[in-house]
Amino acid sequence: KASQIREAHGLARELRIPLVSNQPQYSMLWRV
């Protein structure tokens, strides 16, 4: 979820590692 990505990204910055991607389902029919 967006909130989980945000929290993890903040920790990643503190730990000096690059969190750079999310792998979601996405298509014309699935746009969540």
PDB file of all heavy atoms in Angstrom:
ATOM      1  N   LYS A   1       0.838  -1.191   0.000  1.00  0.00           N
ATOM      2  CA  LYS A   1       0.000   0.000   0.000  1.00  0.00           C
ATOM      3  C   LYS A   1       0.879   1.250   0.000  1.00  0.00           C
ATOM      4  O   LYS A   1       2.059   1.205   0.359  1.00  0.00           O
ATOM      5  CB  LYS A   1      -0.899   0.004   1.237  1.00  0.00           C
ATOM      6  CG  LYS A   1      -1.907  -1.139   1.298  1.00  0.00           C
ATOM      7  CD  LYS A   1      -2.734  -1.048   2.556  1.00  0.00           C
ATOM      8  CE  LYS A   1      -3.713  -2.216   2.671  1.00  0.00           C
ATOM      9  NZ  LYS A   1      -4.708  -2.221   1.582  1.00  0.00           N
ATOM     10  N   ALA A   2       0.286   2.382  -0.365  1.00  0.00           N
ATOM     11  CA  ALA A   2       1.043   3.635  -0.431  1.00  0.00           C
ATOM     12  C   ALA A   2       1.673   3.978   0.908  1.00  0.00           C
ATOM     13  O   ALA A   2       2.837   4.395   0.976  1.00  0.00           O
ATOM     14  CB  ALA A   2       0.128   4.763  -0.906  1.00  0.00           C
ATOM     15  N   SER A   3       0.919   3.815   1.997  1.00  0.00           N
ATOM     16  CA  SER A   3       1.451   4.155   3.316  1.00  0.00           C
ATOM     17  C   SER A   3       2.622   3.257   3.693  1.00  0.00           C
ATOM     18  O   SER A   3       3.584   3.705   4.343  1.00  0.00           O
ATOM     19  CB  SER A   3       0.347   4.039   4.370  1.00  0.00           C
ATOM     20  OG  SER A   3      -0.194   2.717   4.398  1.00  0.00           O
ATOM     21  N   GLN A   4       2.575   2.000   3.289  1.00  0.00           N
ATOM     22  CA  GLN A   4       3.660   1.065   3.587  1.00  0.00           C
ATOM     23  C   GLN A   4       4.904   1.408   2.775  1.00  0.00           C
ATOM     24  O   GLN A   4       6.030   1.347   3.284  1.00  0.00           O
ATOM     25  CB  GLN A   4       3.187  -0.360   3.290  1.00  0.00           C
ATOM     26  CG  GLN A   4       2.058  -0.817   4.196  1.00  0.00           C
ATOM     27  CD  GLN A   4       1.341  -2.061   3.684  1.00  0.00           C
ATOM     28  OE1 GLN A   4       1.499  -2.445   2.521  1.00  0.00           O
ATOM     29  NE2 GLN A   4       0.560  -2.688   4.545  1.00  0.00           N
ATOM     30  N   ILE A   5       4.705   1.783   1.526  1.00  0.00           N
ATOM     31  CA  ILE A   5       5.833   2.195   0.689  1.00  0.00           C
ATOM     32  C   ILE A   5       6.501   3.427   1.288  1.00  0.00           C
ATOM     33  O   ILE A   5       7.732   3.521   1.362  1.00  0.00           O
ATOM     34  CB  ILE A   5       5.371   2.465  -0.753  1.00  0.00           C
ATOM     35  CG1 ILE A   5       4.890   1.164  -1.422  1.00  0.00           C
ATOM     36  CG2 ILE A   5       6.483   3.114  -1.571  1.00  0.00           C
ATOM     37  CD1 ILE A   5       4.239   1.369  -2.770  1.00  0.00           C
ATOM     38  N   ARG A   6       5.688   4.374   1.728  1.00  0.00           N
ATOM     39  CA  ARG A   6       6.245   5.613   2.300  1.00  0.00           C
ATOM     40  C   ARG A   6       7.079   5.324   3.547  1.00  0.00           C
ATOM     41  O   ARG A   6       8.187   5.847   3.702  1.00  0.00           O
ATOM     42  CB  ARG A   6       5.117   6.595   2.625  1.00  0.00           C
ATOM     43  CG  ARG A   6       5.623   7.931   3.163  1.00  0.00           C
ATOM     44  CD  ARG A   6       4.484   8.887   3.459  1.00  0.00           C
ATOM     45  NE  ARG A   6       3.753   9.247   2.262  1.00  0.00           N
ATOM     46  CZ  ARG A   6       4.150  10.159   1.373  1.00  0.00           C
ATOM     47  NH1 ARG A   6       5.315  10.804   1.570  1.00  0.00           N
ATOM     48  NH2 ARG A   6       3.427  10.429   0.313  1.00  0.00           N
ATOM     49  N   GLU A   7       6.550   4.487   4.447  1.00  0.00           N
ATOM     50  CA  GLU A   7       7.282   4.189   5.677  1.00  0.00           C
ATOM     51  C   GLU A   7       8.574   3.437   5.374  1.00  0.00           C
ATOM     52  O   GLU A   7       9.630   3.741   5.942  1.00  0.00           O
ATOM     53  CB  GLU A   7       6.408   3.369   6.625  1.00  0.00           C
ATOM     54  CG  GLU A   7       7.056   3.135   7.984  1.00  0.00           C
ATOM     55  CD  GLU A   7       6.170   2.395   8.959  1.00  0.00           C
ATOM     56  OE1 GLU A   7       5.058   1.983   8.571  1.00  0.00           O
ATOM     57  OE2 GLU A   7       6.599   2.203  10.122  1.00  0.00           O
ATOM     58  N   ALA A   8       8.501   2.465   4.473  1.00  0.00           N
ATOM     59  CA  ALA A   8       9.701   1.702   4.128  1.00  0.00           C
ATOM     60  C   ALA A   8      10.730   2.586   3.443  1.00  0.00           C
ATOM     61  O   ALA A   8      11.941   2.449   3.681  1.00  0.00           O
ATOM     62  CB  ALA A   8       9.327   0.528   3.220  1.00  0.00           C
ATOM     63  N   HIS A   9      10.278   3.493   2.599  1.00  0.00           N
ATOM     64  CA  HIS A   9      11.197   4.384   1.898  1.00  0.00           C
ATOM     65  C   HIS A   9      11.947   5.280   2.880  1.00  0.00           C
ATOM     66  O   HIS A   9      13.152   5.522   2.727  1.00  0.00           O
ATOM     67  CB  HIS A   9      10.425   5.238   0.887  1.00  0.00           C
ATOM     68  CG  HIS A   9      11.288   5.997  -0.058  1.00  0.00           C
ATOM     69  ND1 HIS A   9      11.732   7.274   0.219  1.00  0.00           N
ATOM     70  CD2 HIS A   9      11.817   5.670  -1.268  1.00  0.00           C
ATOM     71  CE1 HIS A   9      12.480   7.710  -0.790  1.00  0.00           C
ATOM     72  NE2 HIS A   9      12.554   6.754  -1.693  1.00  0.00           N
ATOM     73  N   GLY A  10      11.247   5.756   3.929  1.00  0.00           N
ATOM     74  CA  GLY A  10      11.911   6.569   4.942  1.00  0.00           C
ATOM     75  C   GLY A  10      12.987   5.793   5.680  1.00  0.00           C
ATOM     76  O   GLY A  10      14.094   6.306   5.907  1.00  0.00           O
ATOM     77  N   LEU A  11      12.678   4.533   6.033  1.00  0.00           N
ATOM     78  CA  LEU A  11      13.677   3.702   6.703  1.00  0.00           C
ATOM     79  C   LEU A  11      14.846   3.396   5.773  1.00  0.00           C
ATOM     80  O   LEU A  11      16.006   3.366   6.211  1.00  0.00           O
ATOM     81  CB  LEU A  11      13.029   2.399   7.180  1.00  0.00           C
ATOM     82  CG  LEU A  11      12.075   2.521   8.370  1.00  0.00           C
ATOM     83  CD1 LEU A  11      11.323   1.221   8.580  1.00  0.00           C
ATOM     84  CD2 LEU A  11      12.836   2.903   9.629  1.00  0.00           C
ATOM     85  N   ALA A  12      14.554   3.170   4.500  1.00  0.00           N
ATOM     86  CA  ALA A  12      15.616   2.873   3.539  1.00  0.00           C
ATOM     87  C   ALA A  12      16.593   4.037   3.428  1.00  0.00           C
ATOM     88  O   ALA A  12      17.810   3.836   3.341  1.00  0.00           O
ATOM     89  CB  ALA A  12      15.015   2.549   2.174  1.00  0.00           C
ATOM     90  N   ARG A  13      16.080   5.245   3.449  1.00  0.00           N
ATOM     91  CA  ARG A  13      16.960   6.418   3.390  1.00  0.00           C
ATOM     92  C   ARG A  13      17.859   6.479   4.620  1.00  0.00           C
ATOM     93  O   ARG A  13      19.053   6.776   4.511  1.00  0.00           O
ATOM     94  CB  ARG A  13      16.126   7.698   3.263  1.00  0.00           C
ATOM     95  CG  ARG A  13      15.495   7.874   1.891  1.00  0.00           C
ATOM     96  CD  ARG A  13      14.656   9.136   1.851  1.00  0.00           C
ATOM     97  NE  ARG A  13      15.478  10.322   2.025  1.00  0.00           N
ATOM     98  CZ  ARG A  13      16.065  10.988   1.031  1.00  0.00           C
ATOM     99  NH1 ARG A  13      15.940  10.567  -0.215  1.00  0.00           N
ATOM    100  NH2 ARG A  13      16.775  12.069   1.272  1.00  0.00           N
ATOM    101  N   GLU A  14      17.280   6.181   5.795  1.00  0.00           N
ATOM    102  CA  GLU A  14      18.079   6.189   7.015  1.00  0.00           C
ATOM    103  C   GLU A  14      19.171   5.124   6.968  1.00  0.00           C
ATOM    104  O   GLU A  14      20.284   5.330   7.476  1.00  0.00           O
ATOM    105  CB  GLU A  14      17.176   5.939   8.225  1.00  0.00           C
ATOM    106  CG  GLU A  14      16.202   7.065   8.528  1.00  0.00           C
ATOM    107  CD  GLU A  14      15.294   6.730   9.700  1.00  0.00           C
ATOM    108  OE1 GLU A  14      15.592   5.748  10.420  1.00  0.00           O
ATOM    109  OE2 GLU A  14      14.280   7.434   9.889  1.00  0.00           O
ATOM    110  N   LEU A  15      18.861   3.992   6.353  1.00  0.00           N
ATOM    111  CA  LEU A  15      19.789   2.866   6.281  1.00  0.00           C
ATOM    112  C   LEU A  15      20.721   2.950   5.072  1.00  0.00           C
ATOM    113  O   LEU A  15      21.558   2.070   4.870  1.00  0.00           O
ATOM    114  CB  LEU A  15      19.002   1.550   6.233  1.00  0.00           C
ATOM    115  CG  LEU A  15      18.216   1.218   7.509  1.00  0.00           C
ATOM    116  CD1 LEU A  15      17.172   0.136   7.228  1.00  0.00           C
ATOM    117  CD2 LEU A  15      19.170   0.759   8.610  1.00  0.00           C
ATOM    118  N   ARG A  16      20.525   3.988   4.251  1.00  0.00           N
ATOM    119  CA  ARG A  16      21.378   4.247   3.088  1.00  0.00           C
ATOM    120  C   ARG A  16      21.323   3.092   2.085  1.00  0.00           C
ATOM    121  O   ARG A  16      22.344   2.598   1.608  1.00  0.00           O
ATOM    122  CB  ARG A  16      22.824   4.530   3.526  1.00  0.00           C
ATOM    123  CG  ARG A  16      22.931   5.693   4.507  1.00  0.00           C
ATOM    124  CD  ARG A  16      24.364   5.949   4.927  1.00  0.00           C
ATOM    125  NE  ARG A  16      25.169   6.459   3.807  1.00  0.00           N
ATOM    126  CZ  ARG A  16      25.210   7.737   3.429  1.00  0.00           C
ATOM    127  NH1 ARG A  16      24.472   8.641   4.063  1.00  0.00           N
ATOM    128  NH2 ARG A  16      25.980   8.118   2.424  1.00  0.00           N
ATOM    129  N   ILE A  17      20.086   2.684   1.786  1.00  0.00           N
ATOM    130  CA  ILE A  17      19.871   1.693   0.724  1.00  0.00           C
ATOM    131  C   ILE A  17      18.807   2.219  -0.231  1.00  0.00           C
ATOM    132  O   ILE A  17      17.916   2.961   0.186  1.00  0.00           O
ATOM    133  CB  ILE A  17      19.456   0.308   1.279  1.00  0.00           C
ATOM    134  CG1 ILE A  17      18.195   0.410   2.142  1.00  0.00           C
ATOM    135  CG2 ILE A  17      20.608  -0.313   2.043  1.00  0.00           C
ATOM    136  CD1 ILE A  17      17.633  -0.936   2.570  1.00  0.00           C
ATOM    137  N   PRO A  18      18.894   1.862  -1.510  1.00  0.00           N
ATOM    138  CA  PRO A  18      17.965   2.405  -2.502  1.00  0.00           C
ATOM    139  C   PRO A  18      16.718   1.528  -2.672  1.00  0.00           C
ATOM    140  O   PRO A  18      16.760   0.457  -3.281  1.00  0.00           O
ATOM    141  CB  PRO A  18      18.803   2.419  -3.784  1.00  0.00           C
ATOM    142  CG  PRO A  18      19.792   1.311  -3.599  1.00  0.00           C
ATOM    143  CD  PRO A  18      20.018   1.138  -2.129  1.00  0.00           C
ATOM    144  N   LEU A  19      15.584   1.995  -2.117  1.00  0.00           N
ATOM    145  CA  LEU A  19      14.293   1.354  -2.374  1.00  0.00           C
ATOM    146  C   LEU A  19      13.693   2.060  -3.581  1.00  0.00           C
ATOM    147  O   LEU A  19      13.294   3.220  -3.485  1.00  0.00           O
ATOM    148  CB  LEU A  19      13.376   1.461  -1.159  1.00  0.00           C
ATOM    149  CG  LEU A  19      12.134   0.558  -1.154  1.00  0.00           C
ATOM    150  CD1 LEU A  19      11.571   0.418   0.263  1.00  0.00           C
ATOM    151  CD2 LEU A  19      11.033   1.069  -2.080  1.00  0.00           C
ATOM    152  N   VAL A  20      13.643   1.381  -4.718  1.00  0.00           N
ATOM    153  CA  VAL A  20      13.396   2.086  -5.971  1.00  0.00           C
ATOM    154  C   VAL A  20      12.169   1.603  -6.736  1.00  0.00           C
ATOM    155  O   VAL A  20      11.798   2.207  -7.742  1.00  0.00           O
ATOM    156  CB  VAL A  20      14.619   1.970  -6.908  1.00  0.00           C
ATOM    157  CG1 VAL A  20      15.842   2.613  -6.269  1.00  0.00           C
ATOM    158  CG2 VAL A  20      14.913   0.507  -7.272  1.00  0.00           C
ATOM    159  N   SER A  21      11.512   0.508  -6.254  1.00  0.00           N
ATOM    160  CA  SER A  21      10.458  -0.049  -7.098  1.00  0.00           C
ATOM    161  C   SER A  21       9.337  -0.694  -6.296  1.00  0.00           C
ATOM    162  O   SER A  21       9.501  -1.083  -5.137  1.00  0.00           O
ATOM    163  CB  SER A  21      11.042  -1.093  -8.055  1.00  0.00           C
ATOM    164  OG  SER A  21      11.508  -2.221  -7.334  1.00  0.00           O
ATOM    165  N   ASN A  22       8.185  -0.808  -6.973  1.00  0.00           N
ATOM    166  CA  ASN A  22       7.038  -1.565  -6.500  1.00  0.00           C
ATOM    167  C   ASN A  22       6.583  -2.436  -7.660  1.00  0.00           C
ATOM    168  O   ASN A  22       6.661  -2.028  -8.822  1.00  0.00           O
ATOM    169  CB  ASN A  22       5.917  -0.616  -6.077  1.00  0.00           C
ATOM    170  CG  ASN A  22       4.664  -1.360  -5.641  1.00  0.00           C
ATOM    171  OD1 ASN A  22       4.731  -2.300  -4.858  1.00  0.00           O
ATOM    172  ND2 ASN A  22       3.512  -0.933  -6.135  1.00  0.00           N
ATOM    173  N   GLN A  23       6.141  -3.655  -7.344  1.00  0.00           N
ATOM    174  CA  GLN A  23       5.664  -4.547  -8.408  1.00  0.00           C
ATOM    175  C   GLN A  23       4.194  -4.883  -8.165  1.00  0.00           C
ATOM    176  O   GLN A  23       3.868  -5.801  -7.428  1.00  0.00           O
ATOM    177  CB  GLN A  23       6.505  -5.833  -8.451  1.00  0.00           C
ATOM    178  CG  GLN A  23       6.159  -6.693  -9.659  1.00  0.00           C
ATOM    179  CD  GLN A  23       7.073  -7.890  -9.829  1.00  0.00           C
ATOM    180  OE1 GLN A  23       6.618  -9.018  -9.945  1.00  0.00           O
ATOM    181  NE2 GLN A  23       8.370  -7.657  -9.839  1.00  0.00           N
ATOM    182  N   PRO A  24       3.301  -4.110  -8.779  1.00  0.00           N
ATOM    183  CA  PRO A  24       1.877  -4.339  -8.604  1.00  0.00           C
ATOM    184  C   PRO A  24       1.237  -4.946  -9.855  1.00  0.00           C
ATOM    185  O   PRO A  24       1.779  -4.877 -10.959  1.00  0.00           O
ATOM    186  CB  PRO A  24       1.351  -2.923  -8.414  1.00  0.00           C
ATOM    187  CG  PRO A  24       2.199  -2.131  -9.392  1.00  0.00           C
ATOM    188  CD  PRO A  24       3.559  -2.812  -9.442  1.00  0.00           C
ATOM    189  N   GLN A  25       0.065  -5.507  -9.661  1.00  0.00           N
ATOM    190  CA  GLN A  25      -0.760  -5.866 -10.814  1.00  0.00           C
ATOM    191  C   GLN A  25      -1.297  -4.571 -11.422  1.00  0.00           C
ATOM    192  O   GLN A  25      -1.710  -3.660 -10.710  1.00  0.00           O
ATOM    193  CB  GLN A  25      -1.923  -6.758 -10.373  1.00  0.00           C
ATOM    194  CG  GLN A  25      -2.805  -7.200 -11.518  1.00  0.00           C
ATOM    195  CD  GLN A  25      -3.944  -8.112 -11.105  1.00  0.00           C
ATOM    196  OE1 GLN A  25      -4.746  -8.536 -11.936  1.00  0.00           O
ATOM    197  NE2 GLN A  25      -4.026  -8.434  -9.828  1.00  0.00           N
ATOM    198  N   TYR A  26      -1.297  -4.478 -12.749  1.00  0.00           N
ATOM    199  CA  TYR A  26      -1.777  -3.267 -13.411  1.00  0.00           C
ATOM    200  C   TYR A  26      -2.160  -3.603 -14.837  1.00  0.00           C
ATOM    201  O   TYR A  26      -1.386  -4.233 -15.565  1.00  0.00           O
ATOM    202  CB  TYR A  26      -0.698  -2.187 -13.391  1.00  0.00           C
ATOM    203  CG  TYR A  26      -1.140  -0.833 -13.908  1.00  0.00           C
ATOM    204  CD1 TYR A  26      -2.298  -0.222 -13.433  1.00  0.00           C
ATOM    205  CD2 TYR A  26      -0.385  -0.154 -14.857  1.00  0.00           C
ATOM    206  CE1 TYR A  26      -2.688   1.030 -13.897  1.00  0.00           C
ATOM    207  CE2 TYR A  26      -0.762   1.106 -15.319  1.00  0.00           C
ATOM    208  CZ  TYR A  26      -1.916   1.696 -14.835  1.00  0.00           C
ATOM    209  OH  TYR A  26      -2.303   2.932 -15.287  1.00  0.00           O
ATOM    210  N   SER A  27      -3.344  -3.193 -15.224  1.00  0.00           N
ATOM    211  CA  SER A  27      -3.812  -3.385 -16.602  1.00  0.00           C
ATOM    212  C   SER A  27      -4.983  -2.444 -16.846  1.00  0.00           C
ATOM    213  O   SER A  27      -5.435  -1.733 -15.933  1.00  0.00           O
ATOM    214  CB  SER A  27      -4.264  -4.832 -16.830  1.00  0.00           C
ATOM    215  OG  SER A  27      -5.480  -5.102 -16.140  1.00  0.00           O
ATOM    216  N   MET A  28      -5.499  -2.443 -18.065  1.00  0.00           N
ATOM    217  CA  MET A  28      -6.700  -1.659 -18.366  1.00  0.00           C
ATOM    218  C   MET A  28      -7.847  -1.994 -17.417  1.00  0.00           C
ATOM    219  O   MET A  28      -8.680  -1.136 -17.112  1.00  0.00           O
ATOM    220  CB  MET A  28      -7.178  -1.957 -19.794  1.00  0.00           C
ATOM    221  CG  MET A  28      -6.280  -1.555 -20.906  1.00  0.00           C
ATOM    222  SD  MET A  28      -7.075  -2.085 -22.458  1.00  0.00           S
ATOM    223  CE  MET A  28      -5.719  -1.883 -23.602  1.00  0.00           C
ATOM    224  N   LEU A  29      -7.884  -3.251 -16.971  1.00  0.00           N
ATOM    225  CA  LEU A  29      -8.990  -3.720 -16.137  1.00  0.00           C
ATOM    226  C   LEU A  29      -8.705  -3.613 -14.650  1.00  0.00           C
ATOM    227  O   LEU A  29      -9.631  -3.663 -13.841  1.00  0.00           O
ATOM    228  CB  LEU A  29      -9.323  -5.182 -16.476  1.00  0.00           C
ATOM    229  CG  LEU A  29      -9.626  -5.503 -17.943  1.00  0.00           C
ATOM    230  CD1 LEU A  29     -10.009  -6.970 -18.092  1.00  0.00           C
ATOM    231  CD2 LEU A  29     -10.730  -4.601 -18.478  1.00  0.00           C
ATOM    232  N   TRP A  30      -7.433  -3.494 -14.262  1.00  0.00           N
ATOM    233  CA  TRP A  30      -7.035  -3.482 -12.848  1.00  0.00           C
ATOM    234  C   TRP A  30      -6.179  -2.253 -12.603  1.00  0.00           C
ATOM    235  O   TRP A  30      -4.986  -2.240 -12.855  1.00  0.00           O
ATOM    236  CB  TRP A  30      -6.274  -4.757 -12.505  1.00  0.00           C
ATOM    237  CG  TRP A  30      -6.034  -4.948 -11.037  1.00  0.00           C
ATOM    238  CD1 TRP A  30      -4.929  -4.543 -10.332  1.00  0.00           C
ATOM    239  CD2 TRP A  30      -6.894  -5.571 -10.089  1.00  0.00           C
ATOM    240  NE1 TRP A  30      -5.060  -4.886  -9.006  1.00  0.00           N
ATOM    241  CE2 TRP A  30      -6.249  -5.528  -8.823  1.00  0.00           C
ATOM    242  CE3 TRP A  30      -8.155  -6.186 -10.180  1.00  0.00           C
ATOM    243  CZ2 TRP A  30      -6.823  -6.057  -7.670  1.00  0.00           C
ATOM    244  CZ3 TRP A  30      -8.723  -6.721  -9.027  1.00  0.00           C
ATOM    245  CH2 TRP A  30      -8.051  -6.654  -7.789  1.00  0.00           C
ATOM    246  N   ARG A  31      -6.819  -1.185 -12.100  1.00  0.00           N
ATOM    247  CA  ARG A  31      -6.159   0.113 -12.001  1.00  0.00           C
ATOM    248  C   ARG A  31      -6.131   0.607 -10.550  1.00  0.00           C
ATOM    249  O   ARG A  31      -6.129   1.806 -10.291  1.00  0.00           O
ATOM    250  CB  ARG A  31      -6.866   1.117 -12.921  1.00  0.00           C
ATOM    251  CG  ARG A  31      -6.821   0.664 -14.368  1.00  0.00           C
ATOM    252  CD  ARG A  31      -7.662   1.482 -15.317  1.00  0.00           C
ATOM    253  NE  ARG A  31      -7.190   2.841 -15.461  1.00  0.00           N
ATOM    254  CZ  ARG A  31      -7.632   3.691 -16.411  1.00  0.00           C
ATOM    255  NH1 ARG A  31      -8.530   3.272 -17.299  1.00  0.00           N
ATOM    256  NH2 ARG A  31      -7.172   4.915 -16.458  1.00  0.00           N
ATOM    257  N   VAL A  32      -6.037  -0.313  -9.611  1.00  0.00           N
ATOM    258  CA  VAL A  32      -6.151   0.045  -8.196  1.00  0.00           C
ATOM    259  C   VAL A  32      -4.974   0.874  -7.701  1.00  0.00           C
ATOM    260  O   VAL A  32      -5.074   1.524  -6.653  1.00  0.00           O
ATOM    261  CB  VAL A  32      -6.324  -1.214  -7.323  1.00  0.00           C
ATOM    262  CG1 VAL A  32      -7.526  -2.029  -7.770  1.00  0.00           C
ATOM    263  CG2 VAL A  32      -5.075  -2.080  -7.344  1.00  0.00           C
TER     264      VAL A  32
END
